[in-house]
PDB file of all heavy atoms in Angstrom:
ATOM      1  N   GLU A   1      16.487  -5.975   1.960  1.00  0.00           N
ATOM      2  CA  GLU A   1      15.312  -6.834   1.830  1.00  0.00           C
ATOM      3  C   GLU A   1      14.430  -6.754   3.082  1.00  0.00           C
ATOM      4  O   GLU A   1      13.200  -6.658   2.990  1.00  0.00           O
ATOM      5  CB  GLU A   1      15.746  -8.272   1.575  1.00  0.00           C
ATOM      6  CG  GLU A   1      16.355  -8.489   0.196  1.00  0.00           C
ATOM      7  CD  GLU A   1      16.838  -9.910  -0.007  1.00  0.00           C
ATOM      8  OE1 GLU A   1      16.759 -10.701   0.974  1.00  0.00           O
ATOM      9  OE2 GLU A   1      17.291 -10.237  -1.121  1.00  0.00           O
ATOM     10  N   ARG A   2      15.053  -6.775   4.257  1.00  0.00           N
ATOM     11  CA  ARG A   2      14.270  -6.721   5.490  1.00  0.00           C
ATOM     12  C   ARG A   2      13.598  -5.361   5.672  1.00  0.00           C
ATOM     13  O   ARG A   2      12.461  -5.283   6.136  1.00  0.00           O
ATOM     14  CB  ARG A   2      15.169  -7.042   6.690  1.00  0.00           C
ATOM     15  CG  ARG A   2      15.697  -8.470   6.671  1.00  0.00           C
ATOM     16  CD  ARG A   2      16.264  -8.871   8.003  1.00  0.00           C
ATOM     17  NE  ARG A   2      16.767 -10.238   7.967  1.00  0.00           N
ATOM     18  CZ  ARG A   2      17.160 -10.922   9.030  1.00  0.00           C
ATOM     19  NH1 ARG A   2      17.087 -10.356  10.245  1.00  0.00           N
ATOM     20  NH2 ARG A   2      17.618 -12.152   8.920  1.00  0.00           N
ATOM     21  N   LEU A   3      14.295  -4.296   5.294  1.00  0.00           N
ATOM     22  CA  LEU A   3      13.684  -2.971   5.368  1.00  0.00           C
ATOM     23  C   LEU A   3      12.509  -2.844   4.403  1.00  0.00           C
ATOM     24  O   LEU A   3      11.486  -2.232   4.723  1.00  0.00           O
ATOM     25  CB  LEU A   3      14.722  -1.884   5.074  1.00  0.00           C
ATOM     26  CG  LEU A   3      15.708  -1.561   6.201  1.00  0.00           C
ATOM     27  CD1 LEU A   3      16.718  -0.525   5.738  1.00  0.00           C
ATOM     28  CD2 LEU A   3      14.964  -1.053   7.436  1.00  0.00           C
ATOM     29  N   ALA A   4      12.661  -3.426   3.202  1.00  0.00           N
ATOM     30  CA  ALA A   4      11.576  -3.372   2.222  1.00  0.00           C
ATOM     31  C   ALA A   4      10.346  -4.113   2.744  1.00  0.00           C
ATOM     32  O   ALA A   4       9.208  -3.632   2.623  1.00  0.00           O
ATOM     33  CB  ALA A   4      12.034  -3.961   0.898  1.00  0.00           C
ATOM     34  N   VAL A   5      10.567  -5.294   3.354  1.00  0.00           N
ATOM     35  CA  VAL A   5       9.446  -6.065   3.904  1.00  0.00           C
ATOM     36  C   VAL A   5       8.805  -5.299   5.056  1.00  0.00           C
ATOM     37  O   VAL A   5       7.567  -5.234   5.172  1.00  0.00           O
ATOM     38  CB  VAL A   5       9.929  -7.457   4.365  1.00  0.00           C
ATOM     39  CG1 VAL A   5       8.820  -8.189   5.119  1.00  0.00           C
ATOM     40  CG2 VAL A   5      10.392  -8.277   3.158  1.00  0.00           C
ATOM     41  N   TRP A   6       9.629  -4.693   5.917  1.00  0.00           N
ATOM     42  CA  TRP A   6       9.091  -3.921   7.047  1.00  0.00           C
ATOM     43  C   TRP A   6       8.293  -2.716   6.568  1.00  0.00           C
ATOM     44  O   TRP A   6       7.209  -2.432   7.088  1.00  0.00           O
ATOM     45  CB  TRP A   6      10.242  -3.464   7.942  1.00  0.00           C
ATOM     46  CG  TRP A   6       9.803  -2.490   8.993  1.00  0.00           C
ATOM     47  CD1 TRP A   6       9.181  -2.777  10.160  1.00  0.00           C
ATOM     48  CD2 TRP A   6       9.929  -1.067   8.931  1.00  0.00           C
ATOM     49  NE1 TRP A   6       8.901  -1.615  10.852  1.00  0.00           N
ATOM     50  CE2 TRP A   6       9.363  -0.551  10.127  1.00  0.00           C
ATOM     51  CE3 TRP A   6      10.468  -0.176   8.009  1.00  0.00           C
ATOM     52  CZ2 TRP A   6       9.316   0.813  10.399  1.00  0.00           C
ATOM     53  CZ3 TRP A   6      10.434   1.174   8.275  1.00  0.00           C
ATOM     54  CH2 TRP A   6       9.865   1.664   9.440  1.00  0.00           C
ATOM     55  N   ARG A   7       8.800  -2.011   5.585  1.00  0.00           N
ATOM     56  CA  ARG A   7       8.096  -0.835   5.066  1.00  0.00           C
ATOM     57  C   ARG A   7       6.758  -1.224   4.454  1.00  0.00           C
ATOM     58  O   ARG A   7       5.744  -0.544   4.652  1.00  0.00           O
ATOM     59  CB  ARG A   7       8.970  -0.125   4.039  1.00  0.00           C
ATOM     60  CG  ARG A   7      10.135   0.630   4.656  1.00  0.00           C
ATOM     61  CD  ARG A   7      11.172   1.028   3.639  1.00  0.00           C
ATOM     62  NE  ARG A   7      12.258   1.800   4.238  1.00  0.00           N
ATOM     63  CZ  ARG A   7      13.454   1.977   3.698  1.00  0.00           C
ATOM     64  NH1 ARG A   7      13.721   1.418   2.520  1.00  0.00           N
ATOM     65  NH2 ARG A   7      14.382   2.683   4.321  1.00  0.00           N
ATOM     66  N   ASN A   8       6.735  -2.316   3.702  1.00  0.00           N
ATOM     67  CA  ASN A   8       5.473  -2.755   3.097  1.00  0.00           C
ATOM     68  C   ASN A   8       4.473  -3.164   4.166  1.00  0.00           C
ATOM     69  O   ASN A   8       3.273  -2.865   4.070  1.00  0.00           O
ATOM     70  CB  ASN A   8       5.736  -3.911   2.130  1.00  0.00           C
ATOM     71  CG  ASN A   8       4.475  -4.376   1.445  1.00  0.00           C
ATOM     72  OD1 ASN A   8       3.861  -5.364   1.841  1.00  0.00           O
ATOM     73  ND2 ASN A   8       4.062  -3.654   0.413  1.00  0.00           N
ATOM     74  N   ARG A   9       4.951  -3.822   5.220  1.00  0.00           N
ATOM     75  CA  ARG A   9       4.058  -4.228   6.307  1.00  0.00           C
ATOM     76  C   ARG A   9       3.489  -3.007   7.028  1.00  0.00           C
ATOM     77  O   ARG A   9       2.299  -2.979   7.373  1.00  0.00           O
ATOM     78  CB  ARG A   9       4.826  -5.121   7.283  1.00  0.00           C
ATOM     79  CG  ARG A   9       3.942  -5.668   8.396  1.00  0.00           C
ATOM     80  CD  ARG A   9       4.677  -6.695   9.248  1.00  0.00           C
ATOM     81  NE  ARG A   9       5.816  -6.106   9.933  1.00  0.00           N
ATOM     82  CZ  ARG A   9       7.087  -6.387   9.665  1.00  0.00           C
ATOM     83  NH1 ARG A   9       7.388  -7.260   8.698  1.00  0.00           N
ATOM     84  NH2 ARG A   9       8.065  -5.823  10.339  1.00  0.00           N
ATOM     85  N   GLU A  10       4.324  -1.980   7.252  1.00  0.00           N
ATOM     86  CA  GLU A  10       3.860  -0.777   7.923  1.00  0.00           C
ATOM     87  C   GLU A  10       2.842  -0.017   7.081  1.00  0.00           C
ATOM     88  O   GLU A  10       1.852   0.509   7.593  1.00  0.00           O
ATOM     89  CB  GLU A  10       5.045   0.132   8.249  1.00  0.00           C
ATOM     90  CG  GLU A  10       5.942  -0.388   9.354  1.00  0.00           C
ATOM     91  CD  GLU A  10       5.194  -0.490  10.658  1.00  0.00           C
ATOM     92  OE1 GLU A  10       4.728   0.557  11.164  1.00  0.00           O
ATOM     93  OE2 GLU A  10       5.056  -1.624  11.180  1.00  0.00           O
ATOM     94  N   VAL A  11       3.071   0.036   5.775  1.00  0.00           N
ATOM     95  CA  VAL A  11       2.126   0.722   4.891  1.00  0.00           C
ATOM     96  C   VAL A  11       0.764   0.050   4.939  1.00  0.00           C
ATOM     97  O   VAL A  11      -0.278   0.711   5.056  1.00  0.00           O
ATOM     98  CB  VAL A  11       2.673   0.747   3.446  1.00  0.00           C
ATOM     99  CG1 VAL A  11       1.571   1.138   2.456  1.00  0.00           C
ATOM    100  CG2 VAL A  11       3.838   1.719   3.336  1.00  0.00           C
ATOM    101  N   ASN A  12       0.743  -1.282   4.885  1.00  0.00           N
ATOM    102  CA  ASN A  12      -0.523  -1.998   4.927  1.00  0.00           C
ATOM    103  C   ASN A  12      -1.176  -1.928   6.306  1.00  0.00           C
ATOM    104  O   ASN A  12      -2.390  -2.109   6.427  1.00  0.00           O
ATOM    105  CB  ASN A  12      -0.298  -3.462   4.533  1.00  0.00           C
ATOM    106  CG  ASN A  12      -0.145  -3.645   3.034  1.00  0.00           C
ATOM    107  OD1 ASN A  12      -1.129  -3.752   2.311  1.00  0.00           O
ATOM    108  ND2 ASN A  12       1.099  -3.644   2.559  1.00  0.00           N
ATOM    109  N   ARG A  13      -0.387  -1.627   7.334  1.00  0.00           N
ATOM    110  CA  ARG A  13      -0.966  -1.448   8.672  1.00  0.00           C
ATOM    111  C   ARG A  13      -1.559  -0.058   8.840  1.00  0.00           C
ATOM    112  O   ARG A  13      -2.609   0.115   9.476  1.00  0.00           O
ATOM    113  CB  ARG A  13       0.115  -1.683   9.728  1.00  0.00           C
ATOM    114  CG  ARG A  13      -0.372  -1.467  11.164  1.00  0.00           C
ATOM    115  CD  ARG A  13       0.747  -1.705  12.156  1.00  0.00           C
ATOM    116  NE  ARG A  13       1.774  -0.674  12.058  1.00  0.00           N
ATOM    117  CZ  ARG A  13       1.735   0.480  12.715  1.00  0.00           C
ATOM    118  NH1 ARG A  13       0.693   0.776  13.491  1.00  0.00           N
ATOM    119  NH2 ARG A  13       2.733   1.358  12.599  1.00  0.00           N
ATOM    120  N   LEU A  14      -0.911   0.941   8.275  1.00  0.00           N
ATOM    121  CA  LEU A  14      -1.318   2.325   8.497  1.00  0.00           C
ATOM    122  C   LEU A  14      -2.421   2.780   7.553  1.00  0.00           C
ATOM    123  O   LEU A  14      -3.128   3.734   7.851  1.00  0.00           O
ATOM    124  CB  LEU A  14      -0.102   3.249   8.345  1.00  0.00           C
ATOM    125  CG  LEU A  14       0.995   3.066   9.402  1.00  0.00           C
ATOM    126  CD1 LEU A  14       2.216   3.894   9.042  1.00  0.00           C
ATOM    127  CD2 LEU A  14       0.479   3.450  10.780  1.00  0.00           C
ATOM    128  N   ILE A  15      -2.562   2.122   6.397  1.00  0.00           N
ATOM    129  CA  ILE A  15      -3.584   2.528   5.431  1.00  0.00           C
ATOM    130  C   ILE A  15      -4.712   1.501   5.447  1.00  0.00           C
ATOM    131  O   ILE A  15      -4.480   0.297   5.246  1.00  0.00           O
ATOM    132  CB  ILE A  15      -2.989   2.649   4.013  1.00  0.00           C
ATOM    133  CG1 ILE A  15      -1.961   3.783   3.978  1.00  0.00           C
ATOM    134  CG2 ILE A  15      -4.083   2.914   2.990  1.00  0.00           C
ATOM    135  CD1 ILE A  15      -1.297   3.972   2.630  1.00  0.00           C
ATOM    136  N   GLN A  16      -5.923   1.975   5.667  1.00  0.00           N
ATOM    137  CA  GLN A  16      -7.107   1.126   5.676  1.00  0.00           C
ATOM    138  C   GLN A  16      -8.009   1.503   4.502  1.00  0.00           C
ATOM    139  O   GLN A  16      -8.168   2.685   4.196  1.00  0.00           O
ATOM    140  CB  GLN A  16      -7.886   1.256   6.980  1.00  0.00           C
ATOM    141  CG  GLN A  16      -7.124   0.768   8.200  1.00  0.00           C
ATOM    142  CD  GLN A  16      -7.932   0.898   9.472  1.00  0.00           C
ATOM    143  OE1 GLN A  16      -9.002   1.506   9.480  1.00  0.00           O
ATOM    144  NE2 GLN A  16      -7.441   0.315  10.563  1.00  0.00           N
ATOM    145  N   ILE A  17      -8.587   0.482   3.878  1.00  0.00           N
ATOM    146  CA  ILE A  17      -9.450   0.694   2.710  1.00  0.00           C
ATOM    147  C   ILE A  17     -10.786   0.018   2.980  1.00  0.00           C
ATOM    148  O   ILE A  17     -10.837  -1.126   3.444  1.00  0.00           O
ATOM    149  CB  ILE A  17      -8.802   0.125   1.437  1.00  0.00           C
ATOM    150  CG1 ILE A  17      -7.457   0.802   1.174  1.00  0.00           C
ATOM    151  CG2 ILE A  17      -9.730   0.309   0.242  1.00  0.00           C
ATOM    152  CD1 ILE A  17      -6.676   0.165   0.049  1.00  0.00           C
ATOM    153  N   THR A  18     -11.853   0.741   2.707  1.00  0.00           N
ATOM    154  CA  THR A  18     -13.194   0.175   2.837  1.00  0.00           C
ATOM    155  C   THR A  18     -13.936   0.334   1.520  1.00  0.00           C
ATOM    156  O   THR A  18     -13.806   1.358   0.842  1.00  0.00           O
ATOM    157  CB  THR A  18     -14.003   0.856   3.952  1.00  0.00           C
ATOM    158  OG1 THR A  18     -14.140   2.252   3.648  1.00  0.00           O
ATOM    159  CG2 THR A  18     -13.314   0.708   5.299  1.00  0.00           C
ATOM    160  N   VAL A  19     -14.684  -0.686   1.158  1.00  0.00           N
ATOM    161  CA  VAL A  19     -15.602  -0.631   0.023  1.00  0.00           C
ATOM    162  C   VAL A  19     -16.994  -0.852   0.571  1.00  0.00           C
ATOM    163  O   VAL A  19     -17.302  -1.933   1.100  1.00  0.00           O
ATOM    164  CB  VAL A  19     -15.254  -1.688  -1.041  1.00  0.00           C
ATOM    165  CG1 VAL A  19     -16.276  -1.648  -2.177  1.00  0.00           C
ATOM    166  CG2 VAL A  19     -13.851  -1.467  -1.583  1.00  0.00           C
ATOM    167  N   ASN A  20     -17.817   0.178   0.489  1.00  0.00           N
ATOM    168  CA  ASN A  20     -19.125   0.190   1.145  1.00  0.00           C
ATOM    169  C   ASN A  20     -18.936  -0.027   2.654  1.00  0.00           C
ATOM    170  O   ASN A  20     -18.324   0.804   3.308  1.00  0.00           O
ATOM    171  CB  ASN A  20     -20.061  -0.829   0.495  1.00  0.00           C
ATOM    172  CG  ASN A  20     -20.346  -0.464  -0.963  1.00  0.00           C
ATOM    173  OD1 ASN A  20     -20.391   0.710  -1.323  1.00  0.00           O
ATOM    174  ND2 ASN A  20     -20.530  -1.468  -1.804  1.00  0.00           N
ATOM    175  N   ASP A  21     -19.370  -1.167   3.203  1.00  0.00           N
ATOM    176  CA  ASP A  21     -19.227  -1.389   4.641  1.00  0.00           C
ATOM    177  C   ASP A  21     -18.182  -2.443   4.975  1.00  0.00           C
ATOM    178  O   ASP A  21     -18.095  -2.902   6.108  1.00  0.00           O
ATOM    179  CB  ASP A  21     -20.576  -1.801   5.246  1.00  0.00           C
ATOM    180  CG  ASP A  21     -21.160  -3.036   4.563  1.00  0.00           C
ATOM    181  OD1 ASP A  21     -20.574  -3.474   3.544  1.00  0.00           O
ATOM    182  OD2 ASP A  21     -22.185  -3.543   5.024  1.00  0.00           O
ATOM    183  N   SER A  22     -17.350  -2.840   3.991  1.00  0.00           N
ATOM    184  CA  SER A  22     -16.343  -3.872   4.229  1.00  0.00           C
ATOM    185  C   SER A  22     -14.967  -3.233   4.392  1.00  0.00           C
ATOM    186  O   SER A  22     -14.538  -2.437   3.546  1.00  0.00           O
ATOM    187  CB  SER A  22     -16.306  -4.869   3.068  1.00  0.00           C
ATOM    188  OG  SER A  22     -17.538  -5.574   2.991  1.00  0.00           O
ATOM    189  N   LEU A  23     -14.272  -3.595   5.450  1.00  0.00           N
ATOM    190  CA  LEU A  23     -12.950  -3.060   5.736  1.00  0.00           C
ATOM    191  C   LEU A  23     -11.881  -4.070   5.337  1.00  0.00           C
ATOM    192  O   LEU A  23     -11.952  -5.240   5.692  1.00  0.00           O
ATOM    193  CB  LEU A  23     -12.828  -2.737   7.229  1.00  0.00           C
ATOM    194  CG  LEU A  23     -11.433  -2.368   7.733  1.00  0.00           C
ATOM    195  CD1 LEU A  23     -10.950  -1.070   7.083  1.00  0.00           C
ATOM    196  CD2 LEU A  23     -11.423  -2.270   9.244  1.00  0.00           C
ATOM    197  N   TYR A  24     -10.888  -3.588   4.589  1.00  0.00           N
ATOM    198  CA  TYR A  24      -9.737  -4.401   4.236  1.00  0.00           C
ATOM    199  C   TYR A  24      -8.640  -4.120   5.265  1.00  0.00           C
ATOM    200  O   TYR A  24      -7.962  -3.093   5.211  1.00  0.00           O
ATOM    201  CB  TYR A  24      -9.230  -4.055   2.839  1.00  0.00           C
ATOM    202  CG  TYR A  24     -10.105  -4.589   1.725  1.00  0.00           C
ATOM    203  CD1 TYR A  24     -11.285  -3.929   1.373  1.00  0.00           C
ATOM    204  CD2 TYR A  24      -9.765  -5.740   1.032  1.00  0.00           C
ATOM    205  CE1 TYR A  24     -12.091  -4.411   0.360  1.00  0.00           C
ATOM    206  CE2 TYR A  24     -10.568  -6.227   0.011  1.00  0.00           C
ATOM    207  CZ  TYR A  24     -11.735  -5.561  -0.319  1.00  0.00           C
ATOM    208  OH  TYR A  24     -12.533  -6.036  -1.322  1.00  0.00           O
ATOM    209  N   GLN A  25      -8.445  -5.036   6.202  1.00  0.00           N
ATOM    210  CA  GLN A  25      -7.406  -4.840   7.213  1.00  0.00           C
ATOM    211  C   GLN A  25      -6.021  -4.912   6.592  1.00  0.00           C
ATOM    212  O   GLN A  25      -5.119  -4.154   6.961  1.00  0.00           O
ATOM    213  CB  GLN A  25      -7.544  -5.914   8.298  1.00  0.00           C
ATOM    214  CG  GLN A  25      -8.805  -5.797   9.139  1.00  0.00           C
ATOM    215  CD  GLN A  25      -8.723  -4.683  10.164  1.00  0.00           C
ATOM    216  OE1 GLN A  25      -7.725  -3.972  10.233  1.00  0.00           O
ATOM    217  NE2 GLN A  25      -9.779  -4.519  10.940  1.00  0.00           N
ATOM    218  N   GLN A  26      -5.836  -5.793   5.646  1.00  0.00           N
ATOM    219  CA  GLN A  26      -4.570  -5.917   4.927  1.00  0.00           C
ATOM    220  C   GLN A  26      -4.865  -5.796   3.432  1.00  0.00           C
ATOM    221  O   GLN A  26      -5.144  -6.789   2.760  1.00  0.00           O
ATOM    222  CB  GLN A  26      -3.899  -7.259   5.245  1.00  0.00           C
ATOM    223  CG  GLN A  26      -3.354  -7.371   6.665  1.00  0.00           C
ATOM    224  CD  GLN A  26      -2.181  -6.425   6.897  1.00  0.00           C
ATOM    225  OE1 GLN A  26      -1.361  -6.197   6.015  1.00  0.00           O
ATOM    226  NE2 GLN A  26      -2.111  -5.874   8.098  1.00  0.00           N
ATOM    227  N   PRO A  27      -4.822  -4.572   2.889  1.00  0.00           N
ATOM    228  CA  PRO A  27      -5.250  -4.372   1.493  1.00  0.00           C
ATOM    229  C   PRO A  27      -4.269  -4.896   0.453  1.00  0.00           C
ATOM    230  O   PRO A  27      -4.586  -4.898  -0.726  1.00  0.00           O
ATOM    231  CB  PRO A  27      -5.375  -2.848   1.390  1.00  0.00           C
ATOM    232  CG  PRO A  27      -4.460  -2.321   2.446  1.00  0.00           C
ATOM    233  CD  PRO A  27      -4.486  -3.311   3.553  1.00  0.00           C
ATOM    234  N   GLY A  28      -3.101  -5.353   0.873  1.00  0.00           N
ATOM    235  CA  GLY A  28      -2.145  -5.893  -0.095  1.00  0.00           C
ATOM    236  C   GLY A  28      -1.503  -4.837  -0.965  1.00  0.00           C
ATOM    237  O   GLY A  28      -1.264  -5.066  -2.160  1.00  0.00           O
ATOM    238  N   LEU A  29      -1.217  -3.680  -0.405  1.00  0.00           N
ATOM    239  CA  LEU A  29      -0.600  -2.593  -1.168  1.00  0.00           C
ATOM    240  C   LEU A  29       0.847  -2.921  -1.520  1.00  0.00           C
ATOM    241  O   LEU A  29       1.603  -3.442  -0.698  1.00  0.00           O
ATOM    242  CB  LEU A  29      -0.643  -1.293  -0.348  1.00  0.00           C
ATOM    243  CG  LEU A  29      -2.036  -0.723  -0.068  1.00  0.00           C
ATOM    244  CD1 LEU A  29      -1.964   0.343   1.008  1.00  0.00           C
ATOM    245  CD2 LEU A  29      -2.645  -0.156  -1.341  1.00  0.00           C
ATOM    246  N   LEU A  30       1.222  -2.603  -2.748  1.00  0.00           N
ATOM    247  CA  LEU A  30       2.595  -2.772  -3.222  1.00  0.00           C
ATOM    248  C   LEU A  30       3.134  -1.425  -3.678  1.00  0.00           C
ATOM    249  O   LEU A  30       2.378  -0.537  -4.086  1.00  0.00           O
ATOM    250  CB  LEU A  30       2.647  -3.773  -4.381  1.00  0.00           C
ATOM    251  CG  LEU A  30       2.135  -5.193  -4.086  1.00  0.00           C
ATOM    252  CD1 LEU A  30       2.183  -6.032  -5.348  1.00  0.00           C
ATOM    253  CD2 LEU A  30       2.936  -5.849  -2.964  1.00  0.00           C
ATOM    254  N   PHE A  31       4.449  -1.276  -3.612  1.00  0.00           N
ATOM    255  CA  PHE A  31       5.057  -0.034  -4.073  1.00  0.00           C
ATOM    256  C   PHE A  31       4.925   0.070  -5.592  1.00  0.00           C
ATOM    257  O   PHE A  31       5.035  -0.922  -6.312  1.00  0.00           O
ATOM    258  CB  PHE A  31       6.545   0.015  -3.689  1.00  0.00           C
ATOM    259  CG  PHE A  31       6.783  -0.191  -2.214  1.00  0.00           C
ATOM    260  CD1 PHE A  31       7.576  -1.228  -1.760  1.00  0.00           C
ATOM    261  CD2 PHE A  31       6.197   0.651  -1.278  1.00  0.00           C
ATOM    262  CE1 PHE A  31       7.799  -1.427  -0.411  1.00  0.00           C
ATOM    263  CE2 PHE A  31       6.410   0.464   0.069  1.00  0.00           C
ATOM    264  CZ  PHE A  31       7.208  -0.584   0.518  1.00  0.00           C
ATOM    265  N   SER A  32       4.691   1.320  -6.057  1.00  0.00           N
ATOM    266  CA  SER A  32       4.464   1.503  -7.491  1.00  0.00           C
ATOM    267  C   SER A  32       4.853   2.915  -7.903  1.00  0.00           C
ATOM    268  O   SER A  32       5.001   3.812  -7.058  1.00  0.00           O
ATOM    269  CB  SER A  32       2.985   1.250  -7.823  1.00  0.00           C
ATOM    270  OG  SER A  32       2.722   1.491  -9.194  1.00  0.00           O
ATOM    271  N   GLN A  33       5.040   3.087  -9.205  1.00  0.00           N
ATOM    272  CA  GLN A  33       5.255   4.407  -9.801  1.00  0.00           C
ATOM    273  C   GLN A  33       4.298   4.540 -10.974  1.00  0.00           C
ATOM    274  O   GLN A  33       4.207   3.647 -11.822  1.00  0.00           O
ATOM    275  CB  GLN A  33       6.700   4.585 -10.268  1.00  0.00           C
ATOM    276  CG  GLN A  33       7.692   4.719  -9.115  1.00  0.00           C
ATOM    277  CD  GLN A  33       9.109   4.969  -9.595  1.00  0.00           C
ATOM    278  OE1 GLN A  33       9.586   4.316 -10.509  1.00  0.00           O
ATOM    279  NE2 GLN A  33       9.782   5.926  -8.971  1.00  0.00           N
ATOM    280  N   LEU A  34       3.588   5.675 -11.028  1.00  0.00           N
ATOM    281  CA  LEU A  34       2.472   5.820 -11.956  1.00  0.00           C
ATOM    282  C   LEU A  34       2.712   6.945 -12.941  1.00  0.00           C
ATOM    283  O   LEU A  34       3.213   8.021 -12.572  1.00  0.00           O
ATOM    284  CB  LEU A  34       1.185   6.108 -11.173  1.00  0.00           C
ATOM    285  CG  LEU A  34      -0.106   6.227 -11.981  1.00  0.00           C
ATOM    286  CD1 LEU A  34      -0.498   4.862 -12.544  1.00  0.00           C
ATOM    287  CD2 LEU A  34      -1.236   6.776 -11.110  1.00  0.00           C
ATOM    288  N   GLY A  35       2.315   6.715 -14.190  1.00  0.00           N
ATOM    289  CA  GLY A  35       2.247   7.764 -15.204  1.00  0.00           C
ATOM    290  C   GLY A  35       3.593   8.256 -15.706  1.00  0.00           C
ATOM    291  O   GLY A  35       4.657   7.742 -15.368  1.00  0.00           O
ATOM    292  N   GLU A  36       3.510   9.307 -16.534  1.00  0.00           N
ATOM    293  CA  GLU A  36       4.703   9.874 -17.135  1.00  0.00           C
ATOM    294  C   GLU A  36       5.601  10.551 -16.106  1.00  0.00           C
ATOM    295  O   GLU A  36       6.819  10.623 -16.290  1.00  0.00           O
ATOM    296  CB  GLU A  36       4.311  10.886 -18.223  1.00  0.00           C
ATOM    297  CG  GLU A  36       3.550  10.274 -19.381  1.00  0.00           C
ATOM    298  CD  GLU A  36       3.211  11.297 -20.448  1.00  0.00           C
ATOM    299  OE1 GLU A  36       3.727  12.432 -20.346  1.00  0.00           O
ATOM    300  OE2 GLU A  36       2.445  10.964 -21.362  1.00  0.00           O
ATOM    301  N   VAL A  37       5.016  11.051 -15.021  1.00  0.00           N
ATOM    302  CA  VAL A  37       5.813  11.718 -13.989  1.00  0.00           C
ATOM    303  C   VAL A  37       6.419  10.730 -13.012  1.00  0.00           C
ATOM    304  O   VAL A  37       7.136  11.139 -12.086  1.00  0.00           O
ATOM    305  CB  VAL A  37       4.962  12.743 -13.233  1.00  0.00           C
ATOM    306  CG1 VAL A  37       4.520  13.863 -14.150  1.00  0.00           C
ATOM    307  CG2 VAL A  37       3.745  12.074 -12.589  1.00  0.00           C
ATOM    308  N   GLN A  38       6.130   9.416 -13.201  1.00  0.00           N
ATOM    309  CA  GLN A  38       6.654   8.377 -12.309  1.00  0.00           C
ATOM    310  C   GLN A  38       6.348   8.693 -10.840  1.00  0.00           C
ATOM    311  O   GLN A  38       7.232   8.716  -9.980  1.00  0.00           O
ATOM    312  CB  GLN A  38       8.161   8.211 -12.524  1.00  0.00           C
ATOM    313  CG  GLN A  38       8.542   7.610 -13.870  1.00  0.00           C
ATOM    314  CD  GLN A  38       8.060   6.169 -14.011  1.00  0.00           C
ATOM    315  OE1 GLN A  38       8.591   5.258 -13.381  1.00  0.00           O
ATOM    316  NE2 GLN A  38       7.041   5.959 -14.837  1.00  0.00           N
ATOM    317  N   GLN A  39       5.078   8.965 -10.588  1.00  0.00           N
ATOM    318  CA  GLN A  39       4.641   9.336  -9.247  1.00  0.00           C
ATOM    319  C   GLN A  39       4.722   8.135  -8.317  1.00  0.00           C
ATOM    320  O   GLN A  39       4.185   7.067  -8.601  1.00  0.00           O
ATOM    321  CB  GLN A  39       3.207   9.858  -9.297  1.00  0.00           C
ATOM    322  CG  GLN A  39       2.672  10.308  -7.959  1.00  0.00           C
ATOM    323  CD  GLN A  39       1.260  10.848  -8.064  1.00  0.00           C
ATOM    324  OE1 GLN A  39       0.641  10.764  -9.128  1.00  0.00           O
ATOM    325  NE2 GLN A  39       0.742  11.395  -6.983  1.00  0.00           N
ATOM    326  N   ARG A  40       5.383   8.305  -7.184  1.00  0.00           N
ATOM    327  CA  ARG A  40       5.535   7.219  -6.225  1.00  0.00           C
ATOM    328  C   ARG A  40       4.268   7.065  -5.391  1.00  0.00           C
ATOM    329  O   ARG A  40       3.639   8.043  -5.002  1.00  0.00           O
ATOM    330  CB  ARG A  40       6.729   7.486  -5.309  1.00  0.00           C
ATOM    331  CG  ARG A  40       8.054   7.454  -6.056  1.00  0.00           C
ATOM    332  CD  ARG A  40       9.228   7.541  -5.114  1.00  0.00           C
ATOM    333  NE  ARG A  40      10.481   7.433  -5.847  1.00  0.00           N
ATOM    334  CZ  ARG A  40      11.675   7.347  -5.273  1.00  0.00           C
ATOM    335  NH1 ARG A  40      11.774   7.385  -3.954  1.00  0.00           N
ATOM    336  NH2 ARG A  40      12.757   7.245  -6.004  1.00  0.00           N
ATOM    337  N   GLY A  41       3.924   5.809  -5.141  1.00  0.00           N
ATOM    338  CA  GLY A  41       2.742   5.541  -4.349  1.00  0.00           C
ATOM    339  C   GLY A  41       2.568   4.053  -4.126  1.00  0.00           C
ATOM    340  O   GLY A  41       3.513   3.262  -4.242  1.00  0.00           O
ATOM    341  N   PHE A  42       1.344   3.656  -3.797  1.00  0.00           N
ATOM    342  CA  PHE A  42       1.023   2.262  -3.503  1.00  0.00           C
ATOM    343  C   PHE A  42      -0.146   1.837  -4.392  1.00  0.00           C
ATOM    344  O   PHE A  42      -1.079   2.600  -4.616  1.00  0.00           O
ATOM    345  CB  PHE A  42       0.632   2.099  -2.033  1.00  0.00           C
ATOM    346  CG  PHE A  42       1.522   2.867  -1.088  1.00  0.00           C
ATOM    347  CD1 PHE A  42       1.051   3.992  -0.440  1.00  0.00           C
ATOM    348  CD2 PHE A  42       2.823   2.467  -0.871  1.00  0.00           C
ATOM    349  CE1 PHE A  42       1.846   4.706   0.424  1.00  0.00           C
ATOM    350  CE2 PHE A  42       3.646   3.176  -0.012  1.00  0.00           C
ATOM    351  CZ  PHE A  42       3.157   4.304   0.639  1.00  0.00           C
ATOM    352  N   GLN A  43      -0.063   0.606  -4.865  1.00  0.00           N
ATOM    353  CA  GLN A  43      -1.099   0.116  -5.771  1.00  0.00           C
ATOM    354  C   GLN A  43      -1.550  -1.264  -5.321  1.00  0.00           C
ATOM    355  O   GLN A  43      -0.765  -2.069  -4.800  1.00  0.00           O
ATOM    356  CB  GLN A  43      -0.575   0.056  -7.205  1.00  0.00           C
ATOM    357  CG  GLN A  43      -1.660  -0.291  -8.229  1.00  0.00           C
ATOM    358  CD  GLN A  43      -1.201  -0.017  -9.645  1.00  0.00           C
ATOM    359  OE1 GLN A  43      -0.331   0.818  -9.873  1.00  0.00           O
ATOM    360  NE2 GLN A  43      -1.785  -0.731 -10.601  1.00  0.00           N
TER     361      GLN A  43
END
């Protein structure tokens, strides 16, 4: 549980998202798997 929380915190620290001129410092990314190939990523 602690590793999962740490990993999620690090992902949200290392990845920055901007929409137009607004920066999301903490975009709220969660672990996810997408599509038929179950591609791992963040959503």
